[in-house]
Amino acid sequence: MDDGLDFTTWLQAEMDKHQWSQADLARYADLSRAVINKLLNGRTYPQPTTLDAIARALKIPAETIYRRAGLLPRASVQDAYTAELIHKLSLIKDAQRKVTALRLLDALIDEDEAQSLG
């Protein structure tokens, strides 16, 4: 997960993945377009409240964006995957869907173990 991209390059890549313009990210994060523009052009340093808003818009753990912004040390790939997995599971509100997600993970683990044995 640590691909070495600086914050602005990473943020633009995330926007591209979602096919979002600066205005789209501003709207989804409830920030002004000027703030997004300044971040992307490196004219301002991201503040915690801004990072929290962008994390909510992108539906990623706040920890991830804090690391990308250099406010927390980089995580190992394993730690980053674990944090993302926990965050995504927390986004599922329906209890039955959470059970389904866990069953899918169990099935993938069983498949992975069978493949390594064989």
N, C-alpha and C. Protein backbone atom coordinates (compact mmCIF):
# COMPACT_ATOMS: atom_id res chain seq x y z
N MET A 1 0.80 -1.19 0.00
CA MET A 1 0.00 0.00 0.00
C MET A 1 0.85 1.26 0.00
N ASP A 2 2.08 1.14 0.44
CA ASP A 2 2.96 2.28 0.41
C ASP A 2 3.67 2.29 -0.93
N ASP A 3 3.16 3.10 -1.84
CA ASP A 3 3.71 3.11 -3.19
C ASP A 3 4.68 4.26 -3.41
N GLY A 4 4.99 5.02 -2.36
CA GLY A 4 5.97 6.08 -2.47
C GLY A 4 5.45 7.38 -3.06
N LEU A 5 4.17 7.46 -3.36
CA LEU A 5 3.62 8.69 -3.93
C LEU A 5 3.54 9.77 -2.88
N ASP A 6 3.84 11.03 -3.29
CA ASP A 6 3.65 12.11 -2.34
C ASP A 6 2.15 12.36 -2.18
N PHE A 7 1.79 13.16 -1.20
CA PHE A 7 0.38 13.34 -0.86
C PHE A 7 -0.44 13.87 -2.03
N THR A 8 0.05 14.90 -2.70
CA THR A 8 -0.75 15.48 -3.79
C THR A 8 -0.93 14.50 -4.94
N THR A 9 0.12 13.75 -5.26
CA THR A 9 0.03 12.76 -6.34
C THR A 9 -0.94 11.65 -5.94
N TRP A 10 -0.83 11.22 -4.68
CA TRP A 10 -1.73 10.18 -4.17
C TRP A 10 -3.18 10.65 -4.20
N LEU A 11 -3.42 11.88 -3.73
CA LEU A 11 -4.79 12.40 -3.70
C LEU A 11 -5.37 12.50 -5.11
N GLN A 12 -4.57 12.97 -6.05
CA GLN A 12 -5.05 13.04 -7.43
C GLN A 12 -5.35 11.65 -7.98
N ALA A 13 -4.52 10.68 -7.64
CA ALA A 13 -4.75 9.30 -8.09
C ALA A 13 -6.05 8.75 -7.49
N GLU A 14 -6.32 9.06 -6.22
CA GLU A 14 -7.57 8.63 -5.59
C GLU A 14 -8.77 9.28 -6.29
N MET A 15 -8.65 10.55 -6.60
CA MET A 15 -9.73 11.24 -7.31
C MET A 15 -9.95 10.61 -8.69
N ASP A 16 -8.85 10.28 -9.36
CA ASP A 16 -8.95 9.65 -10.68
C ASP A 16 -9.63 8.29 -10.59
N LYS A 17 -9.31 7.52 -9.53
CA LYS A 17 -9.95 6.21 -9.35
C LYS A 17 -11.46 6.34 -9.24
N HIS A 18 -11.90 7.39 -8.58
CA HIS A 18 -13.33 7.63 -8.39
C HIS A 18 -13.95 8.43 -9.54
N GLN A 19 -13.09 8.86 -10.46
CA GLN A 19 -13.51 9.72 -11.58
C GLN A 19 -14.15 11.00 -11.04
N TRP A 20 -13.47 11.59 -10.04
CA TRP A 20 -13.94 12.81 -9.41
C TRP A 20 -13.09 14.00 -9.85
N SER A 21 -13.76 15.11 -10.05
CA SER A 21 -13.07 16.37 -10.26
C SER A 21 -12.77 16.99 -8.89
N GLN A 22 -12.07 18.10 -8.90
CA GLN A 22 -11.84 18.82 -7.64
C GLN A 22 -13.17 19.23 -7.02
N ALA A 23 -14.10 19.66 -7.84
CA ALA A 23 -15.42 20.07 -7.34
C ALA A 23 -16.15 18.89 -6.72
N ASP A 24 -16.01 17.71 -7.33
CA ASP A 24 -16.66 16.52 -6.78
C ASP A 24 -16.11 16.20 -5.39
N LEU A 25 -14.78 16.16 -5.27
CA LEU A 25 -14.19 15.86 -3.97
C LEU A 25 -14.59 16.91 -2.95
N ALA A 26 -14.57 18.16 -3.34
CA ALA A 26 -14.98 19.24 -2.43
C ALA A 26 -16.41 19.02 -1.94
N ARG A 27 -17.28 18.66 -2.85
CA ARG A 27 -18.69 18.44 -2.49
C ARG A 27 -18.83 17.24 -1.55
N TYR A 28 -18.20 16.11 -1.89
CA TYR A 28 -18.33 14.90 -1.08
C TYR A 28 -17.67 15.06 0.29
N ALA A 29 -16.62 15.88 0.36
CA ALA A 29 -15.91 16.10 1.62
C ALA A 29 -16.46 17.30 2.39
N ASP A 30 -17.39 18.00 1.78
CA ASP A 30 -17.96 19.22 2.38
C ASP A 30 -16.86 20.24 2.68
N LEU A 31 -16.01 20.42 1.67
CA LEU A 31 -14.93 21.41 1.73
C LEU A 31 -15.09 22.35 0.54
N SER A 32 -14.38 23.46 0.59
CA SER A 32 -14.44 24.36 -0.56
C SER A 32 -13.53 23.83 -1.67
N ARG A 33 -13.88 24.14 -2.89
CA ARG A 33 -13.06 23.73 -4.02
C ARG A 33 -11.68 24.37 -3.92
N ALA A 34 -11.62 25.58 -3.37
CA ALA A 34 -10.34 26.27 -3.21
C ALA A 34 -9.38 25.48 -2.31
N VAL A 35 -9.91 24.87 -1.25
CA VAL A 35 -9.07 24.06 -0.36
C VAL A 35 -8.50 22.88 -1.12
N ILE A 36 -9.34 22.20 -1.88
CA ILE A 36 -8.88 21.04 -2.67
C ILE A 36 -7.83 21.48 -3.68
N ASN A 37 -8.08 22.59 -4.35
CA ASN A 37 -7.14 23.11 -5.35
C ASN A 37 -5.80 23.43 -4.71
N LYS A 38 -5.81 24.08 -3.56
CA LYS A 38 -4.56 24.41 -2.87
C LYS A 38 -3.81 23.16 -2.44
N LEU A 39 -4.53 22.16 -1.98
CA LEU A 39 -3.88 20.89 -1.60
C LEU A 39 -3.21 20.25 -2.81
N LEU A 40 -3.95 20.19 -3.91
CA LEU A 40 -3.42 19.52 -5.11
C LEU A 40 -2.26 20.28 -5.74
N ASN A 41 -2.21 21.58 -5.51
CA ASN A 41 -1.13 22.38 -6.06
C ASN A 41 0.00 22.61 -5.06
N GLY A 42 -0.12 21.98 -3.88
CA GLY A 42 0.93 22.09 -2.88
C GLY A 42 1.05 23.47 -2.26
N ARG A 43 0.01 24.28 -2.35
CA ARG A 43 0.06 25.63 -1.80
C ARG A 43 -0.38 25.69 -0.34
N THR A 44 -0.87 24.57 0.19
CA THR A 44 -1.26 24.52 1.60
C THR A 44 -0.97 23.13 2.13
N TYR A 45 -0.72 23.08 3.41
CA TYR A 45 -0.46 21.81 4.07
C TYR A 45 -1.78 21.29 4.62
N PRO A 46 -2.11 20.02 4.43
CA PRO A 46 -3.40 19.51 4.88
C PRO A 46 -3.55 19.53 6.40
N GLN A 47 -4.64 20.08 6.86
CA GLN A 47 -4.97 20.14 8.28
C GLN A 47 -5.76 18.89 8.67
N PRO A 48 -5.70 18.50 9.94
CA PRO A 48 -6.43 17.30 10.38
C PRO A 48 -7.92 17.30 10.03
N THR A 49 -8.60 18.42 10.19
CA THR A 49 -10.03 18.45 9.87
C THR A 49 -10.26 18.23 8.38
N THR A 50 -9.36 18.76 7.57
CA THR A 50 -9.45 18.57 6.12
C THR A 50 -9.20 17.11 5.77
N LEU A 51 -8.19 16.51 6.39
CA LEU A 51 -7.87 15.11 6.14
C LEU A 51 -9.02 14.20 6.56
N ASP A 52 -9.63 14.50 7.70
CA ASP A 52 -10.77 13.71 8.16
C ASP A 52 -11.92 13.77 7.16
N ALA A 53 -12.19 14.96 6.64
CA ALA A 53 -13.28 15.14 5.68
C ALA A 53 -12.99 14.37 4.39
N ILE A 54 -11.75 14.43 3.92
CA ILE A 54 -11.39 13.72 2.68
C ILE A 54 -11.45 12.22 2.91
N ALA A 55 -11.00 11.75 4.07
CA ALA A 55 -11.07 10.31 4.37
C ALA A 55 -12.51 9.83 4.34
N ARG A 56 -13.42 10.60 4.94
CA ARG A 56 -14.84 10.21 4.91
C ARG A 56 -15.36 10.17 3.48
N ALA A 57 -15.00 11.16 2.68
CA ALA A 57 -15.46 11.20 1.29
C ALA A 57 -14.93 10.00 0.50
N LEU A 58 -13.68 9.66 0.72
CA LEU A 58 -13.07 8.55 -0.01
C LEU A 58 -13.40 7.19 0.60
N LYS A 59 -14.02 7.22 1.79
CA LYS A 59 -14.36 5.99 2.51
C LYS A 59 -13.13 5.15 2.80
N ILE A 60 -12.12 5.83 3.32
CA ILE A 60 -10.89 5.17 3.73
C ILE A 60 -10.64 5.50 5.19
N PRO A 61 -9.83 4.70 5.88
CA PRO A 61 -9.51 5.02 7.27
C PRO A 61 -8.78 6.36 7.37
N ALA A 62 -9.12 7.15 8.36
CA ALA A 62 -8.43 8.43 8.56
C ALA A 62 -6.92 8.20 8.73
N GLU A 63 -6.58 7.09 9.37
CA GLU A 63 -5.17 6.75 9.57
C GLU A 63 -4.41 6.70 8.23
N THR A 64 -5.06 6.18 7.22
CA THR A 64 -4.42 6.07 5.90
C THR A 64 -4.05 7.44 5.35
N ILE A 65 -4.98 8.37 5.42
CA ILE A 65 -4.71 9.69 4.85
C ILE A 65 -3.72 10.47 5.71
N TYR A 66 -3.75 10.25 7.03
CA TYR A 66 -2.77 10.89 7.91
C TYR A 66 -1.36 10.40 7.57
N ARG A 67 -1.25 9.10 7.28
CA ARG A 67 0.05 8.56 6.89
C ARG A 67 0.49 9.16 5.55
N ARG A 68 -0.44 9.25 4.61
CA ARG A 68 -0.12 9.81 3.30
C ARG A 68 0.33 11.27 3.39
N ALA A 69 -0.25 11.98 4.35
CA ALA A 69 0.09 13.40 4.52
C ALA A 69 1.36 13.59 5.35
N GLY A 70 1.93 12.48 5.85
CA GLY A 70 3.15 12.56 6.62
C GLY A 70 2.94 12.89 8.09
N LEU A 71 1.70 12.84 8.56
CA LEU A 71 1.41 13.12 9.97
C LEU A 71 1.57 11.90 10.85
N LEU A 72 1.61 10.73 10.25
CA LEU A 72 1.90 9.47 10.95
C LEU A 72 2.95 8.75 10.13
N PRO A 73 3.76 7.91 10.78
CA PRO A 73 4.75 7.16 10.00
C PRO A 73 4.08 6.19 9.04
N ARG A 74 4.77 5.89 7.98
CA ARG A 74 4.25 4.93 7.01
C ARG A 74 4.04 3.58 7.67
N ALA A 75 2.99 2.90 7.26
CA ALA A 75 2.69 1.57 7.79
C ALA A 75 3.26 0.52 6.85
N SER A 76 3.50 -0.65 7.40
CA SER A 76 3.90 -1.76 6.54
C SER A 76 2.70 -2.10 5.65
N VAL A 77 2.96 -2.80 4.58
CA VAL A 77 1.88 -3.19 3.68
C VAL A 77 0.84 -4.02 4.44
N GLN A 78 1.32 -4.92 5.28
CA GLN A 78 0.40 -5.77 6.05
C GLN A 78 -0.48 -4.93 6.97
N ASP A 79 0.13 -3.96 7.68
CA ASP A 79 -0.64 -3.09 8.58
C ASP A 79 -1.66 -2.26 7.80
N ALA A 80 -1.27 -1.80 6.63
CA ALA A 80 -2.18 -0.98 5.82
C ALA A 80 -3.37 -1.81 5.35
N TYR A 81 -3.12 -3.04 4.92
CA TYR A 81 -4.22 -3.92 4.51
C TYR A 81 -5.16 -4.22 5.68
N THR A 82 -4.57 -4.47 6.84
CA THR A 82 -5.38 -4.77 8.02
C THR A 82 -6.25 -3.57 8.39
N ALA A 83 -5.68 -2.39 8.39
CA ALA A 83 -6.44 -1.18 8.72
C ALA A 83 -7.57 -0.96 7.71
N GLU A 84 -7.27 -1.17 6.43
CA GLU A 84 -8.30 -0.98 5.41
C GLU A 84 -9.41 -2.01 5.56
N LEU A 85 -9.05 -3.25 5.84
CA LEU A 85 -10.04 -4.30 6.01
C LEU A 85 -10.97 -4.00 7.19
N ILE A 86 -10.39 -3.61 8.29
CA ILE A 86 -11.19 -3.27 9.47
C ILE A 86 -12.11 -2.10 9.17
N HIS A 87 -11.57 -1.10 8.50
CA HIS A 87 -12.39 0.07 8.16
C HIS A 87 -13.55 -0.31 7.25
N LYS A 88 -13.28 -1.10 6.23
CA LYS A 88 -14.34 -1.48 5.30
C LYS A 88 -15.41 -2.32 5.99
N LEU A 89 -15.00 -3.22 6.87
CA LEU A 89 -15.98 -3.99 7.62
C LEU A 89 -16.83 -3.09 8.52
N SER A 90 -16.22 -2.06 9.06
CA SER A 90 -16.97 -1.14 9.92
C SER A 90 -17.99 -0.33 9.14
N LEU A 91 -17.80 -0.20 7.84
CA LEU A 91 -18.76 0.55 7.02
C LEU A 91 -20.04 -0.25 6.75
N ILE A 92 -19.96 -1.56 6.92
CA ILE A 92 -21.14 -2.41 6.71
C ILE A 92 -22.01 -2.30 7.96
N LYS A 93 -23.21 -1.80 7.80
CA LYS A 93 -24.09 -1.57 8.96
C LYS A 93 -24.98 -2.77 9.27
N ASP A 94 -25.40 -3.49 8.26
CA ASP A 94 -26.31 -4.61 8.44
C ASP A 94 -25.56 -5.82 9.01
N ALA A 95 -26.05 -6.36 10.12
CA ALA A 95 -25.38 -7.47 10.79
C ALA A 95 -25.26 -8.69 9.89
N GLN A 96 -26.30 -8.99 9.13
CA GLN A 96 -26.25 -10.17 8.25
C GLN A 96 -25.20 -9.99 7.15
N ARG A 97 -25.07 -8.78 6.66
CA ARG A 97 -24.04 -8.53 5.63
C ARG A 97 -22.64 -8.66 6.21
N LYS A 98 -22.48 -8.27 7.47
CA LYS A 98 -21.18 -8.46 8.13
C LYS A 98 -20.85 -9.95 8.21
N VAL A 99 -21.85 -10.75 8.56
CA VAL A 99 -21.67 -12.21 8.62
C VAL A 99 -21.28 -12.73 7.24
N THR A 100 -21.95 -12.25 6.21
CA THR A 100 -21.65 -12.66 4.84
C THR A 100 -20.22 -12.30 4.47
N ALA A 101 -19.79 -11.10 4.84
CA ALA A 101 -18.42 -10.67 4.55
C ALA A 101 -17.41 -11.60 5.23
N LEU A 102 -17.67 -11.95 6.46
CA LEU A 102 -16.78 -12.85 7.18
C LEU A 102 -16.75 -14.24 6.55
N ARG A 103 -17.92 -14.71 6.11
CA ARG A 103 -17.97 -16.02 5.43
C ARG A 103 -17.19 -16.00 4.12
N LEU A 104 -17.28 -14.89 3.41
CA LEU A 104 -16.50 -14.75 2.17
C LEU A 104 -15.00 -14.80 2.48
N LEU A 105 -14.60 -14.12 3.54
CA LEU A 105 -13.20 -14.16 3.93
C LEU A 105 -12.77 -15.58 4.31
N ASP A 106 -13.62 -16.27 5.06
CA ASP A 106 -13.32 -17.66 5.41
C ASP A 106 -13.15 -18.52 4.17
N ALA A 107 -14.03 -18.34 3.19
CA ALA A 107 -13.95 -19.11 1.95
C ALA A 107 -12.65 -18.81 1.21
N LEU A 108 -12.26 -17.54 1.18
CA LEU A 108 -11.01 -17.17 0.51
C LEU A 108 -9.80 -17.77 1.23
N ILE A 109 -9.85 -17.78 2.54
CA ILE A 109 -8.76 -18.38 3.33
C ILE A 109 -8.67 -19.88 3.06
N ASP A 110 -9.82 -20.56 3.06
CA ASP A 110 -9.84 -21.99 2.78
C ASP A 110 -9.29 -22.28 1.39
N GLU A 111 -9.69 -21.47 0.43
CA GLU A 111 -9.22 -21.63 -0.95
C GLU A 111 -7.72 -21.42 -1.03
N ASP A 112 -7.23 -20.41 -0.34
CA ASP A 112 -5.80 -20.10 -0.33
C ASP A 112 -5.00 -21.25 0.29
N GLU A 113 -5.51 -21.80 1.41
CA GLU A 113 -4.83 -22.91 2.06
C GLU A 113 -4.82 -24.14 1.17
N ALA A 114 -5.92 -24.42 0.52
CA ALA A 114 -6.01 -25.59 -0.38
C ALA A 114 -5.04 -25.42 -1.54
N GLN A 115 -4.94 -24.21 -2.04
CA GLN A 115 -4.05 -23.95 -3.17
C GLN A 115 -2.59 -24.13 -2.75
N SER A 116 -2.25 -23.69 -1.54
CA SER A 116 -0.85 -23.81 -1.09
C SER A 116 -0.48 -25.27 -0.79
N LEU A 117 -1.46 -26.10 -0.48
CA LEU A 117 -1.21 -27.52 -0.21
C LEU A 117 -1.04 -28.31 -1.51
N GLY A 118 -1.62 -27.75 -2.53
CA GLY A 118 -1.66 -28.48 -3.62
C GLY A 118 -1.53 -28.73 -4.93
